[in-house]
Amino acid sequence: MKTEKNYIHRRVCLCRQCGGTGTVTVYAEKDVRRLHPKQKVCPQCQGSGRIWLSGEVTKYIEPYAEPEP
């Protein structure tokens, strides 16, 4: 088995929750037909529309074994 690690270096990206606008649309629980939308500050980016992205990806590579019939 082989293991590969890849690092995602820290960078600025668009917020996926609001699409970079900084606001999200919310509806009241009783507004079933969604007639009265309200704009709210995005909880993930706090209204900036941008977030810091960084991380680590680990891949485990195993050989394929044909299953027995």
PDB file of N, CA and C in Angstrom:
ATOM      1  N   MET A   1       0.845  -1.175   0.000  1.00  0.00           N
ATOM      2  CA  MET A   1       0.000   0.000   0.000  1.00  0.00           C
ATOM      3  C   MET A   1       0.890   1.238   0.000  1.00  0.00           C
ATOM      4  N   LYS A   2       0.504   2.225  -0.769  1.00  0.00           N
ATOM      5  CA  LYS A   2       1.266   3.453  -0.900  1.00  0.00           C
ATOM      6  C   LYS A   2       0.427   4.613  -0.370  1.00  0.00           C
ATOM      7  N   THR A   3       1.077   5.551   0.287  1.00  0.00           N
ATOM      8  CA  THR A   3       0.383   6.721   0.828  1.00  0.00           C
ATOM      9  C   THR A   3       0.996   7.977   0.224  1.00  0.00           C
ATOM     10  N   GLU A   4       0.134   8.885  -0.236  1.00  0.00           N
ATOM     11  CA  GLU A   4       0.581  10.169  -0.761  1.00  0.00           C
ATOM     12  C   GLU A   4      -0.087  11.285   0.032  1.00  0.00           C
ATOM     13  N   LYS A   5       0.685  12.295   0.402  1.00  0.00           N
ATOM     14  CA  LYS A   5       0.130  13.450   1.088  1.00  0.00           C
ATOM     15  C   LYS A   5       0.317  14.681   0.216  1.00  0.00           C
ATOM     16  N   ASN A   6      -0.739  15.430   0.046  1.00  0.00           N
ATOM     17  CA  ASN A   6      -0.701  16.689  -0.689  1.00  0.00           C
ATOM     18  C   ASN A   6      -1.171  17.789   0.240  1.00  0.00           C
ATOM     19  N   TYR A   7      -0.500  18.905   0.200  1.00  0.00           N
ATOM     20  CA  TYR A   7      -0.868  20.042   1.032  1.00  0.00           C
ATOM     21  C   TYR A   7      -1.464  21.139   0.169  1.00  0.00           C
ATOM     22  N   ILE A   8      -2.556  21.718   0.635  1.00  0.00           N
ATOM     23  CA  ILE A   8      -3.168  22.863  -0.024  1.00  0.00           C
ATOM     24  C   ILE A   8      -2.663  24.089   0.724  1.00  0.00           C
ATOM     25  N   HIS A   9      -1.834  24.877   0.066  1.00  0.00           N
ATOM     26  CA  HIS A   9      -1.261  26.045   0.716  1.00  0.00           C
ATOM     27  C   HIS A   9      -2.343  27.099   0.956  1.00  0.00           C
ATOM     28  N   ARG A  10      -2.180  27.863   2.002  1.00  0.00           N
ATOM     29  CA  ARG A  10      -3.170  28.847   2.411  1.00  0.00           C
ATOM     30  C   ARG A  10      -3.348  29.903   1.324  1.00  0.00           C
ATOM     31  N   ARG A  11      -4.611  30.119   0.940  1.00  0.00           N
ATOM     32  CA  ARG A  11      -4.928  31.110  -0.083  1.00  0.00           C
ATOM     33  C   ARG A  11      -6.327  31.657   0.144  1.00  0.00           C
ATOM     34  N   VAL A  12      -6.623  32.760  -0.474  1.00  0.00           N
ATOM     35  CA  VAL A  12      -7.931  33.395  -0.360  1.00  0.00           C
ATOM     36  C   VAL A  12      -8.818  32.882  -1.483  1.00  0.00           C
ATOM     37  N   CYS A  13     -10.051  32.469  -1.130  1.00  0.00           N
ATOM     38  CA  CYS A  13     -11.011  31.957  -2.112  1.00  0.00           C
ATOM     39  C   CYS A  13     -12.373  32.596  -1.879  1.00  0.00           C
ATOM     40  N   LEU A  14     -13.240  32.469  -2.861  1.00  0.00           N
ATOM     41  CA  LEU A  14     -14.623  32.914  -2.693  1.00  0.00           C
ATOM     42  C   LEU A  14     -15.339  32.008  -1.707  1.00  0.00           C
ATOM     43  N   CYS A  15     -16.190  32.574  -0.910  1.00  0.00           N
ATOM     44  CA  CYS A  15     -16.999  31.803   0.037  1.00  0.00           C
ATOM     45  C   CYS A  15     -18.019  30.990  -0.758  1.00  0.00           C
ATOM     46  N   ARG A  16     -18.092  29.703  -0.493  1.00  0.00           N
ATOM     47  CA  ARG A  16     -19.035  28.850  -1.217  1.00  0.00           C
ATOM     48  C   ARG A  16     -20.467  29.004  -0.725  1.00  0.00           C
ATOM     49  N   GLN A  17     -20.629  29.408   0.509  1.00  0.00           N
ATOM     50  CA  GLN A  17     -21.980  29.506   1.067  1.00  0.00           C
ATOM     51  C   GLN A  17     -22.743  30.683   0.461  1.00  0.00           C
ATOM     52  N   CYS A  18     -22.066  31.814   0.243  1.00  0.00           N
ATOM     53  CA  CYS A  18     -22.750  32.987  -0.288  1.00  0.00           C
ATOM     54  C   CYS A  18     -22.354  33.305  -1.721  1.00  0.00           C
ATOM     55  N   GLY A  19     -21.374  32.583  -2.261  1.00  0.00           N
ATOM     56  CA  GLY A  19     -20.937  32.815  -3.631  1.00  0.00           C
ATOM     57  C   GLY A  19     -20.129  34.093  -3.806  1.00  0.00           C
ATOM     58  N   GLY A  20     -19.586  34.618  -2.722  1.00  0.00           N
ATOM     59  CA  GLY A  20     -18.775  35.830  -2.792  1.00  0.00           C
ATOM     60  C   GLY A  20     -19.538  37.114  -2.586  1.00  0.00           C
ATOM     61  N   THR A  21     -20.847  37.042  -2.353  1.00  0.00           N
ATOM     62  CA  THR A  21     -21.638  38.257  -2.169  1.00  0.00           C
ATOM     63  C   THR A  21     -21.589  38.782  -0.739  1.00  0.00           C
ATOM     64  N   GLY A  22     -21.354  37.900   0.229  1.00  0.00           N
ATOM     65  CA  GLY A  22     -21.327  38.309   1.635  1.00  0.00           C
ATOM     66  C   GLY A  22     -22.674  38.232   2.313  1.00  0.00           C
ATOM     67  N   THR A  23     -23.720  37.913   1.563  1.00  0.00           N
ATOM     68  CA  THR A  23     -25.058  37.781   2.144  1.00  0.00           C
ATOM     69  C   THR A  23     -25.692  36.469   1.695  1.00  0.00           C
ATOM     70  N   VAL A  24     -26.576  35.945   2.529  1.00  0.00           N
ATOM     71  CA  VAL A  24     -27.345  34.753   2.189  1.00  0.00           C
ATOM     72  C   VAL A  24     -28.823  35.084   2.316  1.00  0.00           C
ATOM     73  N   THR A  25     -29.643  34.415   1.529  1.00  0.00           N
ATOM     74  CA  THR A  25     -31.086  34.630   1.572  1.00  0.00           C
ATOM     75  C   THR A  25     -31.718  33.635   2.524  1.00  0.00           C
ATOM     76  N   VAL A  26     -32.515  34.132   3.461  1.00  0.00           N
ATOM     77  CA  VAL A  26     -33.222  33.272   4.407  1.00  0.00           C
ATOM     78  C   VAL A  26     -34.713  33.571   4.320  1.00  0.00           C
ATOM     79  N   TYR A  27     -35.496  32.584   4.687  1.00  0.00           N
ATOM     80  CA  TYR A  27     -36.944  32.713   4.682  1.00  0.00           C
ATOM     81  C   TYR A  27     -37.475  32.345   6.062  1.00  0.00           C
ATOM     82  N   ALA A  28     -38.583  32.948   6.444  1.00  0.00           N
ATOM     83  CA  ALA A  28     -39.225  32.602   7.709  1.00  0.00           C
ATOM     84  C   ALA A  28     -39.762  31.173   7.612  1.00  0.00           C
ATOM     85  N   GLU A  29     -39.827  30.498   8.741  1.00  0.00           N
ATOM     86  CA  GLU A  29     -40.290  29.112   8.754  1.00  0.00           C
ATOM     87  C   GLU A  29     -41.722  28.991   8.250  1.00  0.00           C
ATOM     88  N   LYS A  30     -42.546  29.995   8.504  1.00  0.00           N
ATOM     89  CA  LYS A  30     -43.941  29.954   8.077  1.00  0.00           C
ATOM     90  C   LYS A  30     -44.121  30.390   6.624  1.00  0.00           C
ATOM     91  N   ASP A  31     -43.080  30.921   6.001  1.00  0.00           N
ATOM     92  CA  ASP A  31     -43.156  31.392   4.616  1.00  0.00           C
ATOM     93  C   ASP A  31     -42.918  30.212   3.667  1.00  0.00           C
ATOM     94  N   VAL A  32     -43.895  29.336   3.549  1.00  0.00           N
ATOM     95  CA  VAL A  32     -43.776  28.112   2.770  1.00  0.00           C
ATOM     96  C   VAL A  32     -43.620  28.422   1.276  1.00  0.00           C
ATOM     97  N   ARG A  33     -44.295  29.437   0.790  1.00  0.00           N
ATOM     98  CA  ARG A  33     -44.244  29.775  -0.632  1.00  0.00           C
ATOM     99  C   ARG A  33     -43.040  30.640  -0.982  1.00  0.00           C
ATOM    100  N   ARG A  34     -42.249  31.000   0.000  1.00  0.00           N
ATOM    101  CA  ARG A  34     -41.037  31.810  -0.163  1.00  0.00           C
ATOM    102  C   ARG A  34     -41.313  33.127  -0.876  1.00  0.00           C
ATOM    103  N   LEU A  35     -42.271  33.864  -0.355  1.00  0.00           N
ATOM    104  CA  LEU A  35     -42.652  35.141  -0.942  1.00  0.00           C
ATOM    105  C   LEU A  35     -41.885  36.313  -0.341  1.00  0.00           C
ATOM    106  N   HIS A  36     -41.348  36.165   0.869  1.00  0.00           N
ATOM    107  CA  HIS A  36     -40.711  37.280   1.564  1.00  0.00           C
ATOM    108  C   HIS A  36     -39.279  36.923   1.967  1.00  0.00           C
ATOM    109  N   PRO A  37     -38.339  36.991   1.023  1.00  0.00           N
ATOM    110  CA  PRO A  37     -36.945  36.674   1.367  1.00  0.00           C
ATOM    111  C   PRO A  37     -36.302  37.789   2.183  1.00  0.00           C
ATOM    112  N   LYS A  38     -35.372  37.419   3.037  1.00  0.00           N
ATOM    113  CA  LYS A  38     -34.622  38.389   3.829  1.00  0.00           C
ATOM    114  C   LYS A  38     -33.142  38.123   3.614  1.00  0.00           C
ATOM    115  N   GLN A  39     -32.377  39.200   3.482  1.00  0.00           N
ATOM    116  CA  GLN A  39     -30.929  39.081   3.323  1.00  0.00           C
ATOM    117  C   GLN A  39     -30.274  39.118   4.701  1.00  0.00           C
ATOM    118  N   LYS A  40     -29.322  38.230   4.907  1.00  0.00           N
ATOM    119  CA  LYS A  40     -28.630  38.114   6.181  1.00  0.00           C
ATOM    120  C   LYS A  40     -27.129  38.026   5.897  1.00  0.00           C
ATOM    121  N   VAL A  41     -26.319  38.541   6.807  1.00  0.00           N
ATOM    122  CA  VAL A  41     -24.869  38.461   6.646  1.00  0.00           C
ATOM    123  C   VAL A  41     -24.454  36.989   6.682  1.00  0.00           C
ATOM    124  N   CYS A  42     -23.574  36.599   5.771  1.00  0.00           N
ATOM    125  CA  CYS A  42     -23.127  35.210   5.678  1.00  0.00           C
ATOM    126  C   CYS A  42     -22.399  34.818   6.959  1.00  0.00           C
ATOM    127  N   PRO A  43     -22.805  33.713   7.601  1.00  0.00           N
ATOM    128  CA  PRO A  43     -22.161  33.300   8.848  1.00  0.00           C
ATOM    129  C   PRO A  43     -20.755  32.730   8.651  1.00  0.00           C
ATOM    130  N   GLN A  44     -20.428  32.282   7.447  1.00  0.00           N
ATOM    131  CA  GLN A  44     -19.120  31.679   7.221  1.00  0.00           C
ATOM    132  C   GLN A  44     -18.035  32.732   6.993  1.00  0.00           C
ATOM    133  N   CYS A  45     -18.311  33.742   6.184  1.00  0.00           N
ATOM    134  CA  CYS A  45     -17.288  34.747   5.858  1.00  0.00           C
ATOM    135  C   CYS A  45     -17.522  36.076   6.580  1.00  0.00           C
ATOM    136  N   GLN A  46     -18.573  36.189   7.377  1.00  0.00           N
ATOM    137  CA  GLN A  46     -18.940  37.407   8.102  1.00  0.00           C
ATOM    138  C   GLN A  46     -19.092  38.608   7.178  1.00  0.00           C
ATOM    139  N   GLY A  47     -19.594  38.386   5.971  1.00  0.00           N
ATOM    140  CA  GLY A  47     -19.918  39.481   5.068  1.00  0.00           C
ATOM    141  C   GLY A  47     -18.810  39.901   4.120  1.00  0.00           C
ATOM    142  N   SER A  48     -17.635  39.311   4.209  1.00  0.00           N
ATOM    143  CA  SER A  48     -16.544  39.721   3.325  1.00  0.00           C
ATOM    144  C   SER A  48     -16.639  39.073   1.945  1.00  0.00           C
ATOM    145  N   GLY A  49     -17.250  37.903   1.858  1.00  0.00           N
ATOM    146  CA  GLY A  49     -17.341  37.184   0.592  1.00  0.00           C
ATOM    147  C   GLY A  49     -16.117  36.347   0.284  1.00  0.00           C
ATOM    148  N   ARG A  50     -15.084  36.421   1.144  1.00  0.00           N
ATOM    149  CA  ARG A  50     -13.843  35.684   0.931  1.00  0.00           C
ATOM    150  C   ARG A  50     -13.516  34.881   2.176  1.00  0.00           C
ATOM    151  N   ILE A  51     -12.841  33.734   1.991  1.00  0.00           N
ATOM    152  CA  ILE A  51     -12.398  32.915   3.115  1.00  0.00           C
ATOM    153  C   ILE A  51     -10.970  32.456   2.862  1.00  0.00           C
ATOM    154  N   TRP A  52     -10.273  32.077   3.921  1.00  0.00           N
ATOM    155  CA  TRP A  52      -8.950  31.471   3.806  1.00  0.00           C
ATOM    156  C   TRP A  52      -9.140  29.979   3.630  1.00  0.00           C
ATOM    157  N   LEU A  53      -8.453  29.396   2.658  1.00  0.00           N
ATOM    158  CA  LEU A  53      -8.553  27.963   2.390  1.00  0.00           C
ATOM    159  C   LEU A  53      -7.178  27.338   2.544  1.00  0.00           C
ATOM    160  N   SER A  54      -7.098  26.286   3.338  1.00  0.00           N
ATOM    161  CA  SER A  54      -5.865  25.515   3.472  1.00  0.00           C
ATOM    162  C   SER A  54      -6.251  24.114   3.922  1.00  0.00           C
ATOM    163  N   GLY A  55      -5.349  23.168   3.743  1.00  0.00           N
ATOM    164  CA  GLY A  55      -5.678  21.819   4.173  1.00  0.00           C
ATOM    165  C   GLY A  55      -4.640  20.806   3.756  1.00  0.00           C
ATOM    166  N   GLU A  56      -4.985  19.558   3.991  1.00  0.00           N
ATOM    167  CA  GLU A  56      -4.103  18.444   3.699  1.00  0.00           C
ATOM    168  C   GLU A  56      -4.953  17.301   3.157  1.00  0.00           C
ATOM    169  N   VAL A  57      -4.492  16.669   2.091  1.00  0.00           N
ATOM    170  CA  VAL A  57      -5.198  15.548   1.485  1.00  0.00           C
ATOM    171  C   VAL A  57      -4.284  14.324   1.548  1.00  0.00           C
ATOM    172  N   THR A  58      -4.794  13.223   2.091  1.00  0.00           N
ATOM    173  CA  THR A  58      -4.032  11.983   2.159  1.00  0.00           C
ATOM    174  C   THR A  58      -4.714  10.940   1.280  1.00  0.00           C
ATOM    175  N   LYS A  59      -3.934  10.351   0.360  1.00  0.00           N
ATOM    176  CA  LYS A  59      -4.452   9.316  -0.528  1.00  0.00           C
ATOM    177  C   LYS A  59      -3.813   7.993  -0.142  1.00  0.00           C
ATOM    178  N   TYR A  60      -4.638   6.954  -0.030  1.00  0.00           N
ATOM    179  CA  TYR A  60      -4.152   5.601   0.220  1.00  0.00           C
ATOM    180  C   TYR A  60      -4.345   4.808  -1.068  1.00  0.00           C
ATOM    181  N   ILE A  61      -3.263   4.317  -1.636  1.00  0.00           N
ATOM    182  CA  ILE A  61      -3.318   3.624  -2.916  1.00  0.00           C
ATOM    183  C   ILE A  61      -3.045   2.137  -2.664  1.00  0.00           C
ATOM    184  N   GLU A  62      -4.037   1.293  -3.036  1.00  0.00           N
ATOM    185  CA  GLU A  62      -3.920  -0.153  -2.851  1.00  0.00           C
ATOM    186  C   GLU A  62      -4.077  -0.833  -4.202  1.00  0.00           C
ATOM    187  N   PRO A  63      -3.393  -1.954  -4.404  1.00  0.00           N
ATOM    188  CA  PRO A  63      -3.574  -2.679  -5.661  1.00  0.00           C
ATOM    189  C   PRO A  63      -4.967  -3.312  -5.715  1.00  0.00           C
ATOM    190  N   TYR A  64      -5.483  -3.442  -6.912  1.00  0.00           N
ATOM    191  CA  TYR A  64      -6.798  -4.035  -7.111  1.00  0.00           C
ATOM    192  C   TYR A  64      -6.667  -5.555  -7.131  1.00  0.00           C
ATOM    193  N   ALA A  65      -7.502  -6.213  -6.355  1.00  0.00           N
ATOM    194  CA  ALA A  65      -7.529  -7.686  -6.348  1.00  0.00           C
ATOM    195  C   ALA A  65      -8.861  -8.139  -6.915  1.00  0.00           C
ATOM    196  N   GLU A  66      -8.794  -8.966  -7.954  1.00  0.00           N
ATOM    197  CA  GLU A  66     -10.012  -9.472  -8.586  1.00  0.00           C
ATOM    198  C   GLU A  66     -10.764 -10.363  -7.609  1.00  0.00           C
ATOM    199  N   PRO A  67     -12.073 -10.099  -7.373  1.00  0.00           N
ATOM    200  CA  PRO A  67     -12.823 -10.941  -6.437  1.00  0.00           C
ATOM    201  C   PRO A  67     -13.045 -12.345  -7.007  1.00  0.00           C
ATOM    202  N   GLU A  68     -13.051 -13.310  -6.138  1.00  0.00           N
ATOM    203  CA  GLU A  68     -13.271 -14.686  -6.575  1.00  0.00           C
ATOM    204  C   GLU A  68     -14.735 -14.933  -6.857  1.00  0.00           C
ATOM    205  N   PRO A  69     -15.059 -15.729  -7.930  1.00  0.00           N
ATOM    206  CA  PRO A  69     -16.476 -15.978  -8.268  1.00  0.00           C
ATOM    207  C   PRO A  69     -17.185 -16.872  -7.294  1.00  0.00           C
TER     208      PRO A  69
END
